Amino acid sequence: EKCLFIDTIDKNEPEAHEKIEQSLVVSKSFADSIHATINHLKLKIAENNKTNKITNIDYKAILFTPTVKFTKFIYSVLNKEFASQSFPIYEFHGQVSQSRRTNLVKRFKNDSNGLLICTDVAARGMDFPNVKEVLQIGVPTELANYIHRIGRTARSGKDGKSIMFLCEKELPFIDQLKRTKNIDIINKTQ
């Protein structure tokens, strides 16, 4: 038997969802990208606290990281940073047991706020309602994973944002994304 693959997307169309506002933050070093990500989260939570004047923070995001080790590291940093806030932070990767992963997915889906810090294990096939932003530190292992990652926001007709934090040495990824996937990230900050 012969299998056929039908691509329903025009090769000239960008593969990213049009309801996702994509941004890029460029830093000198990877350490600066980490610092910029933490500052972004602090700002979002502070903004949220000012506008809502309630104890429950109305900000739900996913932070994608390049490796399991880095996921564990940034989880420990952010967990300490936001320990006093009513802002749940979850660590999700391939070394988390399946039963714990199932529990984390259920909790994050039901939470109105929080941060899921994960590897690409959560990039495909997961639907988390009301994710306002997808954050990324560093480049994904595969080009297509960029599209899968940002697809965790702007679901069910809603808008969403994607912010990628890269250091200067990682910028060839952006050129490759434009050349191969026709995705041009216009909003850039240095």
Protein backbone atom coordinates (compact mmCIF):
# COMPACT_ATOMS: atom_id res chain seq x y z
CA GLU A 1 0.00 0.00 0.00
CA LYS A 2 1.04 3.54 -0.67
CA CYS A 3 0.44 6.37 1.82
CA LEU A 4 -0.18 9.88 0.63
CA PHE A 5 0.56 13.06 2.56
CA ILE A 6 -1.61 16.05 1.77
CA ASP A 7 -0.38 19.44 2.91
CA THR A 8 -3.40 21.73 3.28
CA ILE A 9 -1.32 24.86 3.93
CA ASP A 10 -0.05 26.89 1.00
CA LYS A 11 3.75 26.75 1.07
CA ASN A 12 3.85 30.56 0.74
CA GLU A 13 1.62 31.14 3.78
CA PRO A 14 3.17 31.62 7.20
CA GLU A 15 2.59 28.58 9.39
CA ALA A 16 1.98 30.55 12.59
CA HIS A 17 -1.51 31.49 13.74
CA GLU A 18 -2.47 35.07 12.84
CA LYS A 19 -4.04 35.74 16.27
CA ILE A 20 -0.67 35.36 17.97
CA GLU A 21 1.34 38.54 18.45
CA GLN A 22 4.96 37.40 18.13
CA SER A 23 7.88 39.27 19.71
CA LEU A 24 11.60 38.78 20.05
CA VAL A 25 13.83 40.08 22.85
CA VAL A 26 17.53 39.96 21.96
CA SER A 27 20.21 39.95 24.68
CA LYS A 28 24.01 39.91 24.65
CA SER A 29 24.24 36.54 26.42
CA PHE A 30 22.08 33.58 27.47
CA ALA A 31 22.33 34.80 31.08
CA ASP A 32 20.89 38.15 29.97
CA SER A 33 18.01 36.27 28.31
CA ILE A 34 17.25 34.58 31.64
CA HIS A 35 17.33 37.94 33.40
CA ALA A 36 15.03 39.50 30.75
CA THR A 37 12.54 36.63 31.11
CA ILE A 38 12.42 36.95 34.91
CA ASN A 39 11.96 40.73 34.61
CA HIS A 40 9.15 40.22 32.10
CA LEU A 41 7.34 37.88 34.50
CA LYS A 42 7.83 40.29 37.42
CA LEU A 43 6.40 43.12 35.32
CA LYS A 44 3.38 41.07 34.20
CA ILE A 45 2.54 40.05 37.77
CA ALA A 46 3.05 43.60 39.09
CA GLU A 47 0.84 45.03 36.29
CA ASN A 48 -1.77 42.45 37.07
CA ASN A 49 -1.76 43.20 40.78
CA LYS A 50 -2.33 46.92 40.05
CA THR A 51 -5.20 46.43 37.60
CA ASN A 52 -7.10 43.66 39.38
CA LYS A 53 -6.72 44.70 43.01
CA ILE A 54 -7.60 41.15 43.99
CA THR A 55 -5.51 38.42 45.50
CA ASN A 56 -5.80 36.15 42.46
CA ILE A 57 -3.38 37.10 39.66
CA ASP A 58 -5.02 36.94 36.22
CA TYR A 59 -1.98 35.87 34.20
CA LYS A 60 -1.46 32.40 32.73
CA ALA A 61 1.65 31.58 30.70
CA ILE A 62 3.86 28.76 29.49
CA LEU A 63 7.65 29.08 29.50
CA PHE A 64 9.46 26.74 27.11
CA THR A 65 13.10 25.92 27.82
CA PRO A 66 15.71 24.03 25.79
CA THR A 67 16.58 21.19 28.21
CA VAL A 68 15.36 19.26 31.26
CA LYS A 69 18.29 20.55 33.35
CA PHE A 70 17.50 24.14 32.46
CA THR A 71 13.79 23.58 33.17
CA LYS A 72 14.69 22.35 36.66
CA PHE A 73 17.03 25.32 37.20
CA ILE A 74 14.62 28.06 36.07
CA TYR A 75 11.78 26.40 37.99
CA SER A 76 13.79 26.62 41.23
CA VAL A 77 14.69 30.27 40.55
CA LEU A 78 11.14 31.34 39.69
CA ASN A 79 9.56 29.28 42.45
CA LYS A 80 11.67 31.20 45.00
CA GLU A 81 11.01 34.53 43.25
CA PHE A 82 7.23 34.19 43.33
CA ALA A 83 6.81 32.09 46.49
CA SER A 84 4.98 34.88 48.30
CA GLN A 85 2.51 35.42 45.43
CA SER A 86 -0.63 33.40 44.83
CA PHE A 87 0.85 32.33 41.52
CA PRO A 88 1.33 28.58 41.00
CA ILE A 89 4.43 27.46 39.10
CA TYR A 90 4.71 23.99 37.60
CA GLU A 91 7.74 22.04 36.36
CA PHE A 92 6.91 19.76 33.42
CA HIS A 93 9.38 17.61 31.46
CA GLY A 94 10.21 14.04 30.49
CA GLN A 95 11.79 13.19 33.85
CA VAL A 96 8.56 13.93 35.73
CA SER A 97 6.64 10.69 36.34
CA GLN A 98 3.61 10.05 34.13
CA SER A 99 1.19 10.16 37.06
CA ARG A 100 2.62 13.49 38.23
CA ARG A 101 2.52 14.87 34.67
CA THR A 102 -1.16 13.88 34.37
CA ASN A 103 -1.88 15.65 37.67
CA LEU A 104 0.09 18.78 36.62
CA VAL A 105 -1.76 18.99 33.29
CA LYS A 106 -5.12 18.71 35.06
CA ARG A 107 -4.21 21.38 37.62
CA PHE A 108 -2.77 23.82 35.06
CA LYS A 109 -5.81 23.39 32.79
CA ASN A 110 -8.13 24.24 35.68
CA ASP A 111 -6.04 27.12 37.07
CA SER A 112 -7.05 30.64 36.09
CA ASN A 113 -3.43 31.75 36.57
CA GLY A 114 0.05 30.31 36.82
CA LEU A 115 3.17 29.40 34.91
CA LEU A 116 4.00 26.06 33.33
CA ILE A 117 7.77 25.74 32.82
CA CYS A 118 8.48 22.95 30.38
CA THR A 119 10.48 21.38 27.61
CA ASP A 120 9.01 20.54 24.21
CA VAL A 121 7.19 17.61 25.84
CA ALA A 122 4.28 20.07 26.24
CA ALA A 123 4.59 21.66 22.79
CA ARG A 124 2.24 19.34 20.90
CA GLY A 125 -1.24 18.04 21.48
CA MET A 126 -1.91 19.86 24.74
CA ASP A 127 -4.76 22.30 25.14
CA PHE A 128 -4.47 24.61 28.11
CA PRO A 129 -7.34 27.13 28.25
CA ASN A 130 -6.70 30.86 28.62
CA VAL A 131 -2.91 30.90 28.19
CA LYS A 132 -2.16 34.58 27.56
CA GLU A 133 1.52 34.23 26.68
CA VAL A 134 3.97 31.65 25.49
CA LEU A 135 7.50 32.55 26.53
CA GLN A 136 10.63 30.87 25.14
CA ILE A 137 14.20 31.03 26.36
CA GLY A 138 16.62 29.82 23.72
CA VAL A 139 15.85 28.01 20.48
CA PRO A 140 13.78 24.83 20.21
CA THR A 141 15.43 21.59 19.13
CA GLU A 142 13.48 21.61 15.86
CA LEU A 143 12.23 24.51 13.76
CA ALA A 144 8.66 23.13 13.69
CA ASN A 145 8.59 23.14 17.50
CA TYR A 146 8.52 26.94 17.43
CA ILE A 147 5.12 26.75 15.74
CA HIS A 148 3.90 24.02 18.08
CA ARG A 149 5.06 25.99 21.12
CA ILE A 150 3.33 29.25 20.20
CA GLY A 151 0.21 27.28 19.31
CA ARG A 152 -0.45 26.78 23.04
CA THR A 153 -1.92 30.31 23.10
CA ALA A 154 -4.63 32.00 20.99
CA ARG A 155 -6.88 28.98 21.25
CA SER A 156 -10.67 28.83 20.89
CA GLY A 157 -10.79 32.12 18.97
CA LYS A 158 -8.83 34.10 21.56
CA ASP A 159 -5.77 36.28 20.99
CA GLY A 160 -2.40 35.44 22.49
CA LYS A 161 1.20 36.55 22.66
CA SER A 162 4.49 34.80 22.09
CA ILE A 163 7.78 36.25 23.29
CA MET A 164 11.09 34.60 22.47
CA PHE A 165 14.18 35.55 24.50
CA LEU A 166 17.36 34.91 22.50
CA CYS A 167 20.97 35.91 22.79
CA GLU A 168 22.81 37.35 19.78
CA LYS A 169 24.49 34.03 18.94
CA GLU A 170 21.05 32.37 18.60
CA LEU A 171 19.78 34.85 15.97
CA PRO A 172 20.45 32.57 12.96
CA PHE A 173 17.36 30.67 14.17
CA ILE A 174 15.21 33.74 13.34
CA ASP A 175 16.64 33.90 9.79
CA GLN A 176 15.96 30.20 9.35
CA LEU A 177 12.39 30.62 10.65
CA LYS A 178 11.74 33.33 8.06
CA ARG A 179 13.42 31.45 5.22
CA THR A 180 11.92 28.02 5.92
CA LYS A 181 8.55 28.73 7.57
CA ASN A 182 7.82 32.24 6.21
CA ILE A 183 7.54 33.60 9.77
CA ASP A 184 8.89 37.10 10.21
CA ILE A 185 8.94 38.35 13.80
CA ILE A 186 8.52 42.10 13.42
CA ASN A 187 8.39 43.13 17.12
CA LYS A 188 12.05 43.10 18.18
CA THR A 189 13.63 44.58 21.31
CA GLN A 190 17.33 44.72 22.12
